[in-house]
Amino acid sequence: MSATPCSLSLVVLRNVPLFSGLDDHELEKLCKVAGRKRVERNAFVVRAGDSTDSLYVLISGRAKVTNTDEEGREIILAWLGPGEFFGEMGMIDGSPRSANVVAAEACELLFLDKESLQRCMQDNFAVAQKLMKILVLRLREADRKIESLALLDVYGRVARLLLDMSEVVDGNRIVKKKMSKQDMAKMIGASREMVSKVMRDLELSGYIRFENDLLVIPGVA
């Protein structure tokens, strides 16, 4: 038997870190006011400058958070996967969207309007506290990225990006997420050609290797 829209939303909300501390009664109240939408690959979910009216949670698919530089080139700020959310900053201060969110593949999303989220935070301090912690974490990540751009050369930026993307499996760090060199370049502020050269040099030097379409960083736990 397929799940009803509300029961599926309840499962999704329960697995979102922001709402993980709520009991079923509170989750059901959120479920009743949550909406669902599907977005095709390469379509905009939100655009920079739009008014902020909802918090979005990815149910399935992947999305990228982007902006453009002064010359109109795309910069990738972050990648989002199932269970992750966006749109929280404008829900707090009422400011317009600060970046674009584009579906990297077909996505299904759940969304909560501003009034519902604010009521939830007022009734549940744990949600407000978790939101603050997540905002601080994202600020720290932004500071780290700025530091990388300012202090590291392209080799260092590529290495840090690979480490950030990796997870420990059997004593080695494995990068499971597939990302094109063009997207890597957009994340670290370099050209695709330079990223290709760095990746080739790292592989030839034994710092990385490829096994069954996975990138392995040996000896780094």
Protein backbone atom coordinates (compact mmCIF):
# COMPACT_ATOMS: atom_id res chain seq x y z
CA MET A 1 0.00 0.00 0.00
CA SER A 2 1.42 3.38 -0.95
CA ALA A 3 1.83 6.02 1.72
CA THR A 4 -0.60 8.89 1.85
CA PRO A 5 0.89 12.36 1.20
CA CYS A 6 0.56 13.22 4.89
CA SER A 7 2.19 10.01 6.16
CA LEU A 8 5.10 10.43 3.74
CA SER A 9 5.57 14.03 4.87
CA LEU A 10 5.59 12.81 8.48
CA VAL A 11 8.38 10.34 7.68
CA VAL A 12 10.36 13.06 5.91
CA LEU A 13 9.94 15.57 8.73
CA ARG A 14 10.97 12.99 11.33
CA ASN A 15 14.27 12.49 9.48
CA VAL A 16 15.07 16.19 9.13
CA PRO A 17 17.57 17.14 11.88
CA LEU A 18 15.74 20.41 12.48
CA PHE A 19 12.54 18.57 13.48
CA SER A 20 14.00 15.37 14.91
CA GLY A 21 13.18 16.36 18.49
CA LEU A 22 9.45 16.82 17.90
CA ASP A 23 6.95 14.19 18.98
CA ASP A 24 4.46 12.67 16.55
CA HIS A 25 1.71 15.08 17.59
CA GLU A 26 3.84 18.12 16.73
CA LEU A 27 5.04 16.50 13.51
CA GLU A 28 1.47 15.75 12.49
CA LYS A 29 0.56 19.41 12.98
CA LEU A 30 3.43 20.42 10.69
CA CYS A 31 2.47 17.71 8.24
CA LYS A 32 -1.01 19.16 7.85
CA VAL A 33 0.33 22.56 6.79
CA ALA A 34 3.24 21.29 4.67
CA GLY A 35 3.07 21.40 0.88
CA ARG A 36 4.72 19.21 -1.75
CA LYS A 37 6.17 20.08 -5.14
CA ARG A 38 8.20 18.45 -7.91
CA VAL A 39 10.92 20.24 -9.84
CA GLU A 40 12.48 18.98 -13.05
CA ARG A 41 16.23 18.77 -13.63
CA ASN A 42 17.93 22.15 -14.22
CA ALA A 43 14.83 24.06 -13.08
CA PHE A 44 15.08 26.79 -10.46
CA VAL A 45 13.50 26.03 -7.10
CA VAL A 46 14.12 29.58 -5.88
CA ARG A 47 15.96 32.54 -7.38
CA ALA A 48 18.20 35.09 -5.70
CA GLY A 49 16.20 38.23 -4.96
CA ASP A 50 12.84 36.44 -4.63
CA SER A 51 10.84 37.11 -1.49
CA THR A 52 11.31 34.41 1.16
CA ASP A 53 8.01 32.74 1.94
CA SER A 54 8.89 29.09 2.64
CA LEU A 55 11.42 26.68 4.08
CA TYR A 56 12.11 23.79 1.67
CA VAL A 57 13.12 20.21 2.53
CA LEU A 58 14.47 17.88 -0.15
CA ILE A 59 12.57 14.57 -0.17
CA SER A 60 14.46 13.13 -3.14
CA GLY A 61 16.99 14.27 -5.71
CA ARG A 62 19.92 16.68 -5.48
CA ALA A 63 20.07 20.45 -5.77
CA LYS A 64 22.85 23.02 -5.92
CA VAL A 65 22.99 26.42 -4.28
CA THR A 66 24.45 28.92 -6.73
CA ASN A 67 25.19 32.55 -7.33
CA THR A 68 27.00 34.48 -10.05
CA ASP A 69 30.14 36.58 -10.00
CA GLU A 70 30.55 40.03 -11.50
CA GLU A 71 31.12 38.52 -14.95
CA GLY A 72 27.97 36.40 -14.76
CA ARG A 73 29.76 33.09 -14.18
CA GLU A 74 28.06 30.53 -11.99
CA ILE A 75 29.52 29.84 -8.53
CA ILE A 76 28.40 26.74 -6.66
CA LEU A 77 28.08 27.49 -2.95
CA ALA A 78 26.79 24.12 -1.75
CA TRP A 79 25.16 20.82 -2.71
CA LEU A 80 21.98 19.55 -1.07
CA GLY A 81 20.63 16.01 -0.82
CA PRO A 82 17.59 14.23 0.65
CA GLY A 83 16.71 15.39 4.16
CA GLU A 84 18.55 18.69 3.82
CA PHE A 85 16.75 22.01 3.81
CA PHE A 86 17.20 25.60 2.67
CA GLY A 87 15.51 28.97 2.96
CA GLU A 88 15.91 29.32 6.71
CA MET A 89 17.76 32.65 6.77
CA GLY A 90 15.06 34.70 5.11
CA MET A 91 12.46 33.06 7.34
CA ILE A 92 14.18 34.71 10.30
CA ASP A 93 15.03 38.20 9.07
CA GLY A 94 12.54 38.58 6.21
CA SER A 95 15.28 39.29 3.65
CA PRO A 96 14.97 38.15 0.01
CA ARG A 97 16.57 34.93 -1.18
CA SER A 98 20.35 35.36 -1.11
CA ALA A 99 21.13 32.64 -3.69
CA ASN A 100 19.61 30.45 -6.37
CA VAL A 101 18.72 26.83 -5.72
CA VAL A 102 18.71 24.73 -8.91
CA ALA A 103 17.62 21.10 -9.26
CA ALA A 104 20.70 19.10 -10.32
CA GLU A 105 18.31 16.21 -10.99
CA ALA A 106 14.55 15.81 -10.72
CA CYS A 107 13.59 16.70 -7.15
CA GLU A 108 10.63 16.32 -4.87
CA LEU A 109 10.36 18.86 -2.09
CA LEU A 110 8.30 19.53 0.98
CA PHE A 111 7.79 23.15 2.00
CA LEU A 112 6.54 25.01 5.07
CA ASP A 113 5.32 28.59 4.97
CA LYS A 114 6.86 31.23 7.20
CA GLU A 115 3.94 31.45 9.62
CA SER A 116 3.90 27.68 10.23
CA LEU A 117 7.66 27.50 10.85
CA GLN A 118 7.64 30.52 13.15
CA ARG A 119 4.76 29.06 15.16
CA CYS A 120 6.68 25.79 15.42
CA MET A 121 9.77 27.60 16.75
CA GLN A 122 7.68 29.58 19.25
CA ASP A 123 6.05 26.39 20.56
CA ASN A 124 9.23 24.28 20.55
CA PHE A 125 12.43 25.86 21.79
CA ALA A 126 14.40 22.79 20.67
CA VAL A 127 13.59 23.61 17.03
CA ALA A 128 14.74 27.22 17.42
CA GLN A 129 17.90 26.01 19.16
CA LYS A 130 18.69 23.50 16.42
CA LEU A 131 18.09 26.14 13.77
CA MET A 132 20.61 28.41 15.48
CA LYS A 133 23.15 25.58 15.64
CA ILE A 134 22.70 24.79 11.95
CA LEU A 135 23.08 28.47 11.03
CA VAL A 136 26.31 28.63 13.07
CA LEU A 137 27.60 25.47 11.34
CA ARG A 138 26.86 26.93 7.91
CA LEU A 139 28.57 30.18 8.89
CA ARG A 140 31.66 28.25 9.99
CA GLU A 141 31.66 26.37 6.68
CA ALA A 142 31.40 29.68 4.81
CA ASP A 143 34.32 31.09 6.82
CA ARG A 144 36.37 27.97 6.01
CA LYS A 145 35.62 28.33 2.32
CA ILE A 146 36.63 32.00 2.35
CA GLU A 147 39.84 31.04 4.15
CA SER A 148 40.59 28.43 1.48
CA LEU A 149 40.05 30.91 -1.34
CA ALA A 150 42.30 33.46 0.35
CA LEU A 151 45.14 31.25 1.62
CA LEU A 152 45.31 28.08 -0.47
CA ASP A 153 46.44 27.58 -4.05
CA VAL A 154 44.35 25.49 -6.44
CA TYR A 155 46.07 22.27 -5.31
CA GLY A 156 45.13 23.01 -1.70
CA ARG A 157 41.57 23.97 -2.60
CA VAL A 158 41.04 20.79 -4.61
CA ALA A 159 42.50 18.69 -1.79
CA ARG A 160 40.30 20.34 0.83
CA LEU A 161 37.21 19.94 -1.34
CA LEU A 162 37.89 16.23 -1.82
CA LEU A 163 38.44 15.76 1.92
CA ASP A 164 35.24 17.64 2.72
CA MET A 165 33.29 15.47 0.28
CA SER A 166 34.75 12.20 1.55
CA GLU A 167 33.75 9.75 4.28
CA VAL A 168 35.80 7.11 6.09
CA VAL A 169 35.30 3.52 4.83
CA ASP A 170 37.62 0.71 5.99
CA GLY A 171 40.38 3.09 6.96
CA ASN A 172 40.34 5.07 3.72
CA ARG A 173 38.49 8.20 2.76
CA ILE A 174 36.04 7.60 -0.08
CA VAL A 175 34.31 10.21 -2.22
CA LYS A 176 30.98 8.65 -3.19
CA LYS A 177 29.29 11.74 -4.60
CA LYS A 178 29.92 12.14 -8.31
CA MET A 179 30.86 15.65 -9.36
CA SER A 180 32.14 16.92 -12.67
CA LYS A 181 35.41 18.82 -12.85
CA GLN A 182 33.43 21.81 -14.11
CA ASP A 183 31.31 21.78 -10.94
CA MET A 184 34.42 21.37 -8.80
CA ALA A 185 35.92 24.39 -10.52
CA LYS A 186 32.80 26.42 -9.78
CA MET A 187 33.05 25.51 -6.11
CA ILE A 188 36.69 26.50 -5.60
CA GLY A 189 37.03 29.46 -7.94
CA ALA A 190 39.30 27.87 -10.56
CA SER A 191 39.15 26.84 -14.20
CA ARG A 192 38.05 23.35 -15.27
CA GLU A 193 41.40 22.89 -17.02
CA MET A 194 43.31 23.64 -13.81
CA VAL A 195 41.15 21.28 -11.78
CA SER A 196 41.77 18.53 -14.37
CA LYS A 197 45.53 19.11 -14.13
CA VAL A 198 45.48 19.00 -10.33
CA MET A 199 43.38 15.82 -10.27
CA ARG A 200 45.75 14.19 -12.76
CA ASP A 201 48.79 15.20 -10.70
CA LEU A 202 47.22 13.93 -7.47
CA GLU A 203 46.46 10.59 -9.11
CA LEU A 204 49.93 10.21 -10.62
CA SER A 205 51.49 11.05 -7.26
CA GLY A 206 49.39 8.41 -5.50
CA TYR A 207 47.42 10.84 -3.33
CA ILE A 208 44.14 9.67 -4.89
CA ARG A 209 43.05 6.67 -6.92
CA PHE A 210 39.87 5.48 -8.59
CA GLU A 211 38.24 2.15 -7.76
CA ASN A 212 34.89 1.09 -9.25
CA ASP A 213 33.99 4.70 -10.09
CA LEU A 214 34.77 5.79 -6.52
CA LEU A 215 37.56 8.21 -5.63
CA VAL A 216 39.77 6.87 -2.84
CA ILE A 217 42.08 8.97 -0.68
CA PRO A 218 44.40 6.30 0.78
CA GLY A 219 46.01 6.54 4.18
CA VAL A 220 43.89 9.46 5.40
CA ALA A 221 41.36 8.58 8.11
